[in-house]
Amino acid sequence: MPSIIVTDRNGTDHTIEAKVGWRVMEIIREAGLPIEAACGGSCACATCHVYVEPDWFGKLDAAEEEEVDMLDLAIEPEDNSRLSCQLKFTDAMDGLKVTLAPE
């Protein structure tokens, strides 16, 4: 079964079963990790902000302009920031590593 590795805000890694076709935000939330995702995945907030591990960042589709604009509103955005609601999980993303950004 494919999975993602999520580092929580305390630095603990969680290997989570991932479902192809789900958004990374949905996978994290379903696993019970503390990700707010206030807008429910409509790219209208930045509460599902994650940092993508550098080895993975370049393998993902580039962020659309709407996501980039929302990331400008995120707390402590970095070059490897993404909104997890905009990352649709595929088989090629098995083993993806992300870290939850500050709330």
PDB file of N, CA and C in Angstrom:
ATOM      1  N   MET A   1       0.835  -1.176   0.000  1.00  0.00           N
ATOM      2  CA  MET A   1       0.000   0.000   0.000  1.00  0.00           C
ATOM      3  C   MET A   1       0.886   1.249   0.000  1.00  0.00           C
ATOM      4  N   PRO A   2       0.577   2.226  -0.846  1.00  0.00           N
ATOM      5  CA  PRO A   2       1.387   3.449  -0.868  1.00  0.00           C
ATOM      6  C   PRO A   2       1.236   4.232   0.434  1.00  0.00           C
ATOM      7  N   SER A   3       2.233   5.057   0.721  1.00  0.00           N
ATOM      8  CA  SER A   3       2.201   5.822   1.962  1.00  0.00           C
ATOM      9  C   SER A   3       2.894   7.167   1.787  1.00  0.00           C
ATOM     10  N   ILE A   4       2.644   8.041   2.762  1.00  0.00           N
ATOM     11  CA  ILE A   4       3.382   9.288   2.884  1.00  0.00           C
ATOM     12  C   ILE A   4       3.961   9.332   4.291  1.00  0.00           C
ATOM     13  N   ILE A   5       5.002  10.124   4.452  1.00  0.00           N
ATOM     14  CA  ILE A   5       5.618  10.313   5.763  1.00  0.00           C
ATOM     15  C   ILE A   5       5.404  11.770   6.144  1.00  0.00           C
ATOM     16  N   VAL A   6       4.744  11.963   7.281  1.00  0.00           N
ATOM     17  CA  VAL A   6       4.423  13.307   7.754  1.00  0.00           C
ATOM     18  C   VAL A   6       5.148  13.552   9.069  1.00  0.00           C
ATOM     19  N   THR A   7       5.904  14.644   9.126  1.00  0.00           N
ATOM     20  CA  THR A   7       6.540  15.058  10.365  1.00  0.00           C
ATOM     21  C   THR A   7       5.620  16.073  11.019  1.00  0.00           C
ATOM     22  N   ASP A   8       5.206  15.775  12.256  1.00  0.00           N
ATOM     23  CA  ASP A   8       4.300  16.690  12.950  1.00  0.00           C
ATOM     24  C   ASP A   8       5.085  17.868  13.526  1.00  0.00           C
ATOM     25  N   ARG A   9       4.394  18.752  14.201  1.00  0.00           N
ATOM     26  CA  ARG A   9       5.020  19.972  14.727  1.00  0.00           C
ATOM     27  C   ARG A   9       5.939  19.710  15.905  1.00  0.00           C
ATOM     28  N   ASN A  10       5.932  18.493  16.437  1.00  0.00           N
ATOM     29  CA  ASN A  10       6.853  18.113  17.516  1.00  0.00           C
ATOM     30  C   ASN A  10       8.078  17.379  16.977  1.00  0.00           C
ATOM     31  N   GLY A  11       8.143  17.185  15.652  1.00  0.00           N
ATOM     32  CA  GLY A  11       9.277  16.511  15.041  1.00  0.00           C
ATOM     33  C   GLY A  11       9.147  15.003  14.936  1.00  0.00           C
ATOM     34  N   THR A  12       7.961  14.470  15.232  1.00  0.00           N
ATOM     35  CA  THR A  12       7.729  13.028  15.148  1.00  0.00           C
ATOM     36  C   THR A  12       7.255  12.658  13.751  1.00  0.00           C
ATOM     37  N   ASP A  13       7.858  11.616  13.180  1.00  0.00           N
ATOM     38  CA  ASP A  13       7.461  11.124  11.865  1.00  0.00           C
ATOM     39  C   ASP A  13       6.318  10.134  11.988  1.00  0.00           C
ATOM     40  N   HIS A  14       5.374  10.239  11.063  1.00  0.00           N
ATOM     41  CA  HIS A  14       4.227   9.332  10.997  1.00  0.00           C
ATOM     42  C   HIS A  14       4.154   8.792   9.573  1.00  0.00           C
ATOM     43  N   THR A  15       4.202   7.482   9.421  1.00  0.00           N
ATOM     44  CA  THR A  15       4.012   6.872   8.112  1.00  0.00           C
ATOM     45  C   THR A  15       2.529   6.556   7.982  1.00  0.00           C
ATOM     46  N   ILE A  16       1.908   7.144   6.968  1.00  0.00           N
ATOM     47  CA  ILE A  16       0.461   7.082   6.814  1.00  0.00           C
ATOM     48  C   ILE A  16       0.109   6.415   5.488  1.00  0.00           C
ATOM     49  N   GLU A  17      -0.839   5.501   5.544  1.00  0.00           N
ATOM     50  CA  GLU A  17      -1.349   4.878   4.323  1.00  0.00           C
ATOM     51  C   GLU A  17      -1.998   5.957   3.465  1.00  0.00           C
ATOM     52  N   ALA A  18      -1.672   5.962   2.193  1.00  0.00           N
ATOM     53  CA  ALA A  18      -2.181   6.991   1.290  1.00  0.00           C
ATOM     54  C   ALA A  18      -3.059   6.358   0.215  1.00  0.00           C
ATOM     55  N   LYS A  19      -4.136   7.033  -0.102  1.00  0.00           N
ATOM     56  CA  LYS A  19      -5.056   6.551  -1.127  1.00  0.00           C
ATOM     57  C   LYS A  19      -4.871   7.367  -2.391  1.00  0.00           C
ATOM     58  N   VAL A  20      -4.617   6.685  -3.494  1.00  0.00           N
ATOM     59  CA  VAL A  20      -4.451   7.341  -4.785  1.00  0.00           C
ATOM     60  C   VAL A  20      -5.735   8.104  -5.114  1.00  0.00           C
ATOM     61  N   GLY A  21      -5.561   9.336  -5.559  1.00  0.00           N
ATOM     62  CA  GLY A  21      -6.690  10.183  -5.911  1.00  0.00           C
ATOM     63  C   GLY A  21      -7.117  11.121  -4.802  1.00  0.00           C
ATOM     64  N   TRP A  22      -6.703  10.845  -3.576  1.00  0.00           N
ATOM     65  CA  TRP A  22      -7.019  11.736  -2.460  1.00  0.00           C
ATOM     66  C   TRP A  22      -6.024  12.885  -2.444  1.00  0.00           C
ATOM     67  N   ARG A  23      -6.419  13.996  -1.879  1.00  0.00           N
ATOM     68  CA  ARG A  23      -5.515  15.119  -1.647  1.00  0.00           C
ATOM     69  C   ARG A  23      -4.648  14.784  -0.435  1.00  0.00           C
ATOM     70  N   VAL A  24      -3.410  15.236  -0.443  1.00  0.00           N
ATOM     71  CA  VAL A  24      -2.514  14.982   0.689  1.00  0.00           C
ATOM     72  C   VAL A  24      -3.135  15.521   1.977  1.00  0.00           C
ATOM     73  N   MET A  25      -3.826  16.650   1.900  1.00  0.00           N
ATOM     74  CA  MET A  25      -4.515  17.207   3.066  1.00  0.00           C
ATOM     75  C   MET A  25      -5.527  16.212   3.626  1.00  0.00           C
ATOM     76  N   GLU A  26      -6.292  15.568   2.770  1.00  0.00           N
ATOM     77  CA  GLU A  26      -7.297  14.594   3.214  1.00  0.00           C
ATOM     78  C   GLU A  26      -6.635  13.387   3.883  1.00  0.00           C
ATOM     79  N   ILE A  27      -5.516  12.958   3.336  1.00  0.00           N
ATOM     80  CA  ILE A  27      -4.785  11.816   3.895  1.00  0.00           C
ATOM     81  C   ILE A  27      -4.291  12.148   5.301  1.00  0.00           C
ATOM     82  N   ILE A  28      -3.730  13.347   5.453  1.00  0.00           N
ATOM     83  CA  ILE A  28      -3.215  13.775   6.760  1.00  0.00           C
ATOM     84  C   ILE A  28      -4.357  13.907   7.764  1.00  0.00           C
ATOM     85  N   ARG A  29      -5.440  14.532   7.356  1.00  0.00           N
ATOM     86  CA  ARG A  29      -6.588  14.731   8.254  1.00  0.00           C
ATOM     87  C   ARG A  29      -7.215  13.396   8.645  1.00  0.00           C
ATOM     88  N   GLU A  30      -7.364  12.487   7.681  1.00  0.00           N
ATOM     89  CA  GLU A  30      -7.958  11.169   7.947  1.00  0.00           C
ATOM     90  C   GLU A  30      -7.124  10.382   8.956  1.00  0.00           C
ATOM     91  N   ALA A  31      -5.814  10.629   8.966  1.00  0.00           N
ATOM     92  CA  ALA A  31      -4.915   9.940   9.902  1.00  0.00           C
ATOM     93  C   ALA A  31      -4.985  10.534  11.312  1.00  0.00           C
ATOM     94  N   GLY A  32      -5.717  11.621  11.465  1.00  0.00           N
ATOM     95  CA  GLY A  32      -5.888  12.219  12.786  1.00  0.00           C
ATOM     96  C   GLY A  32      -4.798  13.192  13.186  1.00  0.00           C
ATOM     97  N   LEU A  33      -3.959  13.590  12.237  1.00  0.00           N
ATOM     98  CA  LEU A  33      -2.916  14.570  12.555  1.00  0.00           C
ATOM     99  C   LEU A  33      -3.527  15.974  12.547  1.00  0.00           C
ATOM    100  N   PRO A  34      -2.930  16.902  13.309  1.00  0.00           N
ATOM    101  CA  PRO A  34      -3.525  18.232  13.481  1.00  0.00           C
ATOM    102  C   PRO A  34      -3.284  19.167  12.298  1.00  0.00           C
ATOM    103  N   ILE A  35      -4.110  19.026  11.287  1.00  0.00           N
ATOM    104  CA  ILE A  35      -4.066  19.933  10.142  1.00  0.00           C
ATOM    105  C   ILE A  35      -5.452  20.558  10.048  1.00  0.00           C
ATOM    106  N   GLU A  36      -5.518  21.883  10.103  1.00  0.00           N
ATOM    107  CA  GLU A  36      -6.818  22.547  10.189  1.00  0.00           C
ATOM    108  C   GLU A  36      -7.623  22.408   8.900  1.00  0.00           C
ATOM    109  N   ALA A  37      -7.049  22.796   7.772  1.00  0.00           N
ATOM    110  CA  ALA A  37      -7.741  22.722   6.482  1.00  0.00           C
ATOM    111  C   ALA A  37      -9.121  23.369   6.568  1.00  0.00           C
ATOM    112  N   ALA A  38      -9.152  24.608   7.043  1.00  0.00           N
ATOM    113  CA  ALA A  38     -10.399  25.313   7.329  1.00  0.00           C
ATOM    114  C   ALA A  38     -11.333  25.426   6.122  1.00  0.00           C
ATOM    115  N   CYS A  39     -10.786  25.587   4.933  1.00  0.00           N
ATOM    116  CA  CYS A  39     -11.644  25.782   3.756  1.00  0.00           C
ATOM    117  C   CYS A  39     -12.054  24.461   3.118  1.00  0.00           C
ATOM    118  N   GLY A  40     -11.581  23.358   3.662  1.00  0.00           N
ATOM    119  CA  GLY A  40     -11.982  22.057   3.151  1.00  0.00           C
ATOM    120  C   GLY A  40     -11.335  21.660   1.834  1.00  0.00           C
ATOM    121  N   GLY A  41     -10.329  22.380   1.424  1.00  0.00           N
ATOM    122  CA  GLY A  41      -9.606  22.007   0.211  1.00  0.00           C
ATOM    123  C   GLY A  41      -9.909  22.852  -1.009  1.00  0.00           C
ATOM    124  N   SER A  42     -10.530  24.008  -0.803  1.00  0.00           N
ATOM    125  CA  SER A  42     -10.891  24.852  -1.948  1.00  0.00           C
ATOM    126  C   SER A  42      -9.855  25.926  -2.261  1.00  0.00           C
ATOM    127  N   CYS A  43      -8.679  25.832  -1.649  1.00  0.00           N
ATOM    128  CA  CYS A  43      -7.578  26.773  -1.888  1.00  0.00           C
ATOM    129  C   CYS A  43      -7.988  28.201  -1.525  1.00  0.00           C
ATOM    130  N   ALA A  44      -8.751  28.326  -0.416  1.00  0.00           N
ATOM    131  CA  ALA A  44      -9.210  29.635   0.024  1.00  0.00           C
ATOM    132  C   ALA A  44      -8.577  30.053   1.349  1.00  0.00           C
ATOM    133  N   CYS A  45      -7.620  29.273   1.829  1.00  0.00           N
ATOM    134  CA  CYS A  45      -6.902  29.606   3.058  1.00  0.00           C
ATOM    135  C   CYS A  45      -5.520  28.950   2.958  1.00  0.00           C
ATOM    136  N   ALA A  46      -4.748  29.052   4.004  1.00  0.00           N
ATOM    137  CA  ALA A  46      -3.419  28.423   3.991  1.00  0.00           C
ATOM    138  C   ALA A  46      -3.236  27.530   5.215  1.00  0.00           C
ATOM    139  N   THR A  47      -4.341  27.005   5.756  1.00  0.00           N
ATOM    140  CA  THR A  47      -4.263  26.228   6.988  1.00  0.00           C
ATOM    141  C   THR A  47      -3.908  24.758   6.768  1.00  0.00           C
ATOM    142  N   CYS A  48      -3.625  24.388   5.521  1.00  0.00           N
ATOM    143  CA  CYS A  48      -3.135  23.028   5.236  1.00  0.00           C
ATOM    144  C   CYS A  48      -1.694  23.094   4.718  1.00  0.00           C
ATOM    145  N   HIS A  49      -1.025  24.179   5.047  1.00  0.00           N
ATOM    146  CA  HIS A  49       0.351  24.458   4.611  1.00  0.00           C
ATOM    147  C   HIS A  49       1.308  23.379   5.121  1.00  0.00           C
ATOM    148  N   VAL A  50       2.130  22.862   4.218  1.00  0.00           N
ATOM    149  CA  VAL A  50       3.168  21.895   4.571  1.00  0.00           C
ATOM    150  C   VAL A  50       4.470  22.296   3.882  1.00  0.00           C
ATOM    151  N   TYR A  51       5.562  21.764   4.420  1.00  0.00           N
ATOM    152  CA  TYR A  51       6.864  21.884   3.771  1.00  0.00           C
ATOM    153  C   TYR A  51       7.162  20.535   3.135  1.00  0.00           C
ATOM    154  N   VAL A  52       7.452  20.541   1.847  1.00  0.00           N
ATOM    155  CA  VAL A  52       7.773  19.320   1.120  1.00  0.00           C
ATOM    156  C   VAL A  52       9.282  19.106   1.180  1.00  0.00           C
ATOM    157  N   GLU A  53       9.685  17.895   1.517  1.00  0.00           N
ATOM    158  CA  GLU A  53      11.119  17.586   1.559  1.00  0.00           C
ATOM    159  C   GLU A  53      11.759  17.932   0.212  1.00  0.00           C
ATOM    160  N   PRO A  54      12.945  18.526   0.216  1.00  0.00           N
ATOM    161  CA  PRO A  54      13.588  18.973  -1.021  1.00  0.00           C
ATOM    162  C   PRO A  54      13.697  17.898  -2.107  1.00  0.00           C
ATOM    163  N   ASP A  55      13.969  16.660  -1.729  1.00  0.00           N
ATOM    164  CA  ASP A  55      14.081  15.588  -2.728  1.00  0.00           C
ATOM    165  C   ASP A  55      12.769  15.372  -3.479  1.00  0.00           C
ATOM    166  N   TRP A  56      11.662  15.726  -2.866  1.00  0.00           N
ATOM    167  CA  TRP A  56      10.344  15.530  -3.458  1.00  0.00           C
ATOM    168  C   TRP A  56       9.808  16.764  -4.160  1.00  0.00           C
ATOM    169  N   PHE A  57      10.221  17.934  -3.726  1.00  0.00           N
ATOM    170  CA  PHE A  57       9.610  19.175  -4.209  1.00  0.00           C
ATOM    171  C   PHE A  57       9.611  19.270  -5.735  1.00  0.00           C
ATOM    172  N   GLY A  58      10.727  18.998  -6.358  1.00  0.00           N
ATOM    173  CA  GLY A  58      10.840  19.099  -7.813  1.00  0.00           C
ATOM    174  C   GLY A  58      10.098  18.023  -8.574  1.00  0.00           C
ATOM    175  N   LYS A  59       9.678  16.978  -7.895  1.00  0.00           N
ATOM    176  CA  LYS A  59       8.944  15.882  -8.542  1.00  0.00           C
ATOM    177  C   LYS A  59       7.439  16.166  -8.619  1.00  0.00           C
ATOM    178  N   LEU A  60       6.982  17.184  -7.912  1.00  0.00           N
ATOM    179  CA  LEU A  60       5.561  17.512  -7.889  1.00  0.00           C
ATOM    180  C   LEU A  60       5.218  18.497  -8.995  1.00  0.00           C
ATOM    181  N   ASP A  61       3.961  18.482  -9.418  1.00  0.00           N
ATOM    182  CA  ASP A  61       3.502  19.491 -10.364  1.00  0.00           C
ATOM    183  C   ASP A  61       3.686  20.860  -9.727  1.00  0.00           C
ATOM    184  N   ALA A  62       4.014  21.843 -10.534  1.00  0.00           N
ATOM    185  CA  ALA A  62       4.211  23.204 -10.023  1.00  0.00           C
ATOM    186  C   ALA A  62       2.903  23.757  -9.471  1.00  0.00           C
ATOM    187  N   ALA A  63       3.026  24.628  -8.496  1.00  0.00           N
ATOM    188  CA  ALA A  63       1.850  25.271  -7.905  1.00  0.00           C
ATOM    189  C   ALA A  63       1.200  26.205  -8.918  1.00  0.00           C
ATOM    190  N   GLU A  64      -0.128  26.177  -8.952  1.00  0.00           N
ATOM    191  CA  GLU A  64      -0.891  27.114  -9.785  1.00  0.00           C
ATOM    192  C   GLU A  64      -0.840  28.489  -9.137  1.00  0.00           C
ATOM    193  N   GLU A  65      -1.180  29.530  -9.893  1.00  0.00           N
ATOM    194  CA  GLU A  65      -1.118  30.908  -9.394  1.00  0.00           C
ATOM    195  C   GLU A  65      -1.982  31.104  -8.138  1.00  0.00           C
ATOM    196  N   GLU A  66      -3.164  30.484  -8.097  1.00  0.00           N
ATOM    197  CA  GLU A  66      -4.057  30.604  -6.945  1.00  0.00           C
ATOM    198  C   GLU A  66      -3.384  30.087  -5.668  1.00  0.00           C
ATOM    199  N   GLU A  67      -2.678  28.958  -5.782  1.00  0.00           N
ATOM    200  CA  GLU A  67      -1.969  28.400  -4.631  1.00  0.00           C
ATOM    201  C   GLU A  67      -0.824  29.306  -4.205  1.00  0.00           C
ATOM    202  N   VAL A  68      -0.077  29.816  -5.157  1.00  0.00           N
ATOM    203  CA  VAL A  68       1.042  30.715  -4.855  1.00  0.00           C
ATOM    204  C   VAL A  68       0.533  31.944  -4.101  1.00  0.00           C
ATOM    205  N   ASP A  69      -0.599  32.490  -4.544  1.00  0.00           N
ATOM    206  CA  ASP A  69      -1.179  33.657  -3.874  1.00  0.00           C
ATOM    207  C   ASP A  69      -1.570  33.327  -2.432  1.00  0.00           C
ATOM    208  N   MET A  70      -2.140  32.146  -2.203  1.00  0.00           N
ATOM    209  CA  MET A  70      -2.527  31.736  -0.853  1.00  0.00           C
ATOM    210  C   MET A  70      -1.299  31.513   0.027  1.00  0.00           C
ATOM    211  N   LEU A  71      -0.233  30.965  -0.548  1.00  0.00           N
ATOM    212  CA  LEU A  71       0.989  30.729   0.224  1.00  0.00           C
ATOM    213  C   LEU A  71       1.594  32.039   0.726  1.00  0.00           C
ATOM    214  N   ASP A  72       1.336  33.138   0.020  1.00  0.00           N
ATOM    215  CA  ASP A  72       1.802  34.451   0.482  1.00  0.00           C
ATOM    216  C   ASP A  72       1.173  34.816   1.826  1.00  0.00           C
ATOM    217  N   LEU A  73       0.012  34.219   2.129  1.00  0.00           N
ATOM    218  CA  LEU A  73      -0.691  34.498   3.381  1.00  0.00           C
ATOM    219  C   LEU A  73      -0.348  33.496   4.481  1.00  0.00           C
ATOM    220  N   ALA A  74       0.424  32.477   4.143  1.00  0.00           N
ATOM    221  CA  ALA A  74       0.765  31.417   5.100  1.00  0.00           C
ATOM    222  C   ALA A  74       1.739  31.917   6.154  1.00  0.00           C
ATOM    223  N   ILE A  75       1.720  31.255   7.311  1.00  0.00           N
ATOM    224  CA  ILE A  75       2.675  31.545   8.373  1.00  0.00           C
ATOM    225  C   ILE A  75       4.007  30.881   8.016  1.00  0.00           C
ATOM    226  N   GLU A  76       5.066  31.653   8.012  1.00  0.00           N
ATOM    227  CA  GLU A  76       6.423  31.177   7.750  1.00  0.00           C
ATOM    228  C   GLU A  76       6.565  30.366   6.463  1.00  0.00           C
ATOM    229  N   PRO A  77       6.154  30.932   5.317  1.00  0.00           N
ATOM    230  CA  PRO A  77       6.343  30.209   4.059  1.00  0.00           C
ATOM    231  C   PRO A  77       7.829  30.072   3.718  1.00  0.00           C
ATOM    232  N   GLU A  78       8.160  28.978   3.087  1.00  0.00           N
ATOM    233  CA  GLU A  78       9.532  28.693   2.654  1.00  0.00           C
ATOM    234  C   GLU A  78       9.502  28.369   1.162  1.00  0.00           C
ATOM    235  N   ASP A  79      10.672  28.218   0.554  1.00  0.00           N
ATOM    236  CA  ASP A  79      10.742  27.879  -0.869  1.00  0.00           C
ATOM    237  C   ASP A  79      10.084  26.538  -1.174  1.00  0.00           C
ATOM    238  N   ASN A  80      10.017  25.649  -0.181  1.00  0.00           N
ATOM    239  CA  ASN A  80       9.443  24.318  -0.388  1.00  0.00           C
ATOM    240  C   ASN A  80       8.026  24.202   0.182  1.00  0.00           C
ATOM    241  N   SER A  81       7.357  25.347   0.384  1.00  0.00           N
ATOM    242  CA  SER A  81       5.989  25.351   0.900  1.00  0.00           C
ATOM    243  C   SER A  81       4.994  24.957  -0.179  1.00  0.00           C
ATOM    244  N   ARG A  82       3.980  24.207   0.243  1.00  0.00           N
ATOM    245  CA  ARG A  82       2.845  23.871  -0.625  1.00  0.00           C
ATOM    246  C   ARG A  82       1.590  23.800   0.239  1.00  0.00           C
ATOM    247  N   LEU A  83       0.449  23.962  -0.401  1.00  0.00           N
ATOM    248  CA  LEU A  83      -0.821  23.712   0.255  1.00  0.00           C
ATOM    249  C   LEU A  83      -1.167  22.256  -0.021  1.00  0.00           C
ATOM    250  N   SER A  84      -1.320  21.479   1.036  1.00  0.00           N
ATOM    251  CA  SER A  84      -1.530  20.040   0.854  1.00  0.00           C
ATOM    252  C   SER A  84      -2.858  19.722   0.175  1.00  0.00           C
ATOM    253  N   CYS A  85      -3.790  20.670   0.186  1.00  0.00           N
ATOM    254  CA  CYS A  85      -5.064  20.444  -0.508  1.00  0.00           C
ATOM    255  C   CYS A  85      -4.889  20.481  -2.020  1.00  0.00           C
ATOM    256  N   GLN A  86      -3.777  21.004  -2.477  1.00  0.00           N
ATOM    257  CA  GLN A  86      -3.538  21.114  -3.918  1.00  0.00           C
ATOM    258  C   GLN A  86      -2.637  19.998  -4.446  1.00  0.00           C
ATOM    259  N   LEU A  87      -2.267  19.077  -3.575  1.00  0.00           N
ATOM    260  CA  LEU A  87      -1.412  17.950  -3.969  1.00  0.00           C
ATOM    261  C   LEU A  87      -2.261  16.687  -4.036  1.00  0.00           C
ATOM    262  N   LYS A  88      -2.625  16.285  -5.239  1.00  0.00           N
ATOM    263  CA  LYS A  88      -3.421  15.071  -5.427  1.00  0.00           C
ATOM    264  C   LYS A  88      -2.469  13.882  -5.468  1.00  0.00           C
ATOM    265  N   PHE A  89      -2.678  12.919  -4.560  1.00  0.00           N
ATOM    266  CA  PHE A  89      -1.767  11.796  -4.417  1.00  0.00           C
ATOM    267  C   PHE A  89      -1.864  10.845  -5.603  1.00  0.00           C
ATOM    268  N   THR A  90      -0.692  10.481  -6.138  1.00  0.00           N
ATOM    269  CA  THR A  90      -0.593   9.506  -7.229  1.00  0.00           C
ATOM    270  C   THR A  90       0.366   8.396  -6.806  1.00  0.00           C
ATOM    271  N   ASP A  91       0.368   7.304  -7.551  1.00  0.00           N
ATOM    272  CA  ASP A  91       1.304   6.210  -7.259  1.00  0.00           C
ATOM    273  C   ASP A  91       2.754   6.692  -7.252  1.00  0.00           C
ATOM    274  N   ALA A  92       3.065   7.655  -8.108  1.00  0.00           N
ATOM    275  CA  ALA A  92       4.430   8.170  -8.203  1.00  0.00           C
ATOM    276  C   ALA A  92       4.849   8.927  -6.947  1.00  0.00           C
ATOM    277  N   MET A  93       3.886   9.254  -6.076  1.00  0.00           N
ATOM    278  CA  MET A  93       4.187  10.007  -4.860  1.00  0.00           C
ATOM    279  C   MET A  93       4.370   9.088  -3.644  1.00  0.00           C
ATOM    280  N   ASP A  94       4.415   7.778  -3.850  1.00  0.00           N
ATOM    281  CA  ASP A  94       4.603   6.843  -2.745  1.00  0.00           C
ATOM    282  C   ASP A  94       5.899   7.180  -2.018  1.00  0.00           C
ATOM    283  N   GLY A  95       5.817   7.400  -0.719  1.00  0.00           N
ATOM    284  CA  GLY A  95       6.978   7.753   0.083  1.00  0.00           C
ATOM    285  C   GLY A  95       7.191   9.253   0.244  1.00  0.00           C
ATOM    286  N   LEU A  96       6.260  10.073  -0.302  1.00  0.00           N
ATOM    287  CA  LEU A  96       6.341  11.518  -0.165  1.00  0.00           C
ATOM    288  C   LEU A  96       6.562  11.917   1.286  1.00  0.00           C
ATOM    289  N   LYS A  97       7.462  12.885   1.507  1.00  0.00           N
ATOM    290  CA  LYS A  97       7.749  13.365   2.858  1.00  0.00           C
ATOM    291  C   LYS A  97       7.394  14.829   2.978  1.00  0.00           C
ATOM    292  N   VAL A  98       6.542  15.140   3.965  1.00  0.00           N
ATOM    293  CA  VAL A  98       6.152  16.515   4.242  1.00  0.00           C
ATOM    294  C   VAL A  98       6.208  16.788   5.730  1.00  0.00           C
ATOM    295  N   THR A  99       6.326  18.056   6.072  1.00  0.00           N
ATOM    296  CA  THR A  99       6.316  18.488   7.464  1.00  0.00           C
ATOM    297  C   THR A  99       5.184  19.489   7.637  1.00  0.00           C
ATOM    298  N   LEU A 100       4.392  19.335   8.698  1.00  0.00           N
ATOM    299  CA  LEU A 100       3.325  20.286   8.975  1.00  0.00           C
ATOM    300  C   LEU A 100       3.934  21.638   9.316  1.00  0.00           C
ATOM    301  N   ALA A 101       3.458  22.687   8.672  1.00  0.00           N
ATOM    302  CA  ALA A 101       3.941  24.033   8.943  1.00  0.00           C
ATOM    303  C   ALA A 101       3.329  24.542  10.242  1.00  0.00           C
ATOM    304  N   PRO A 102       3.887  25.599  10.833  1.00  0.00           N
ATOM    305  CA  PRO A 102       3.319  26.156  12.069  1.00  0.00           C
ATOM    306  C   PRO A 102       1.863  26.571  11.870  1.00  0.00           C
ATOM    307  N   GLU A 103       1.100  26.506  12.957  1.00  0.00           N
ATOM    308  CA  GLU A 103      -0.318  26.903  12.888  1.00  0.00           C
ATOM    309  C   GLU A 103      -0.436  28.397  12.841  1.00  0.00           C
TER     310      GLU A 103
END
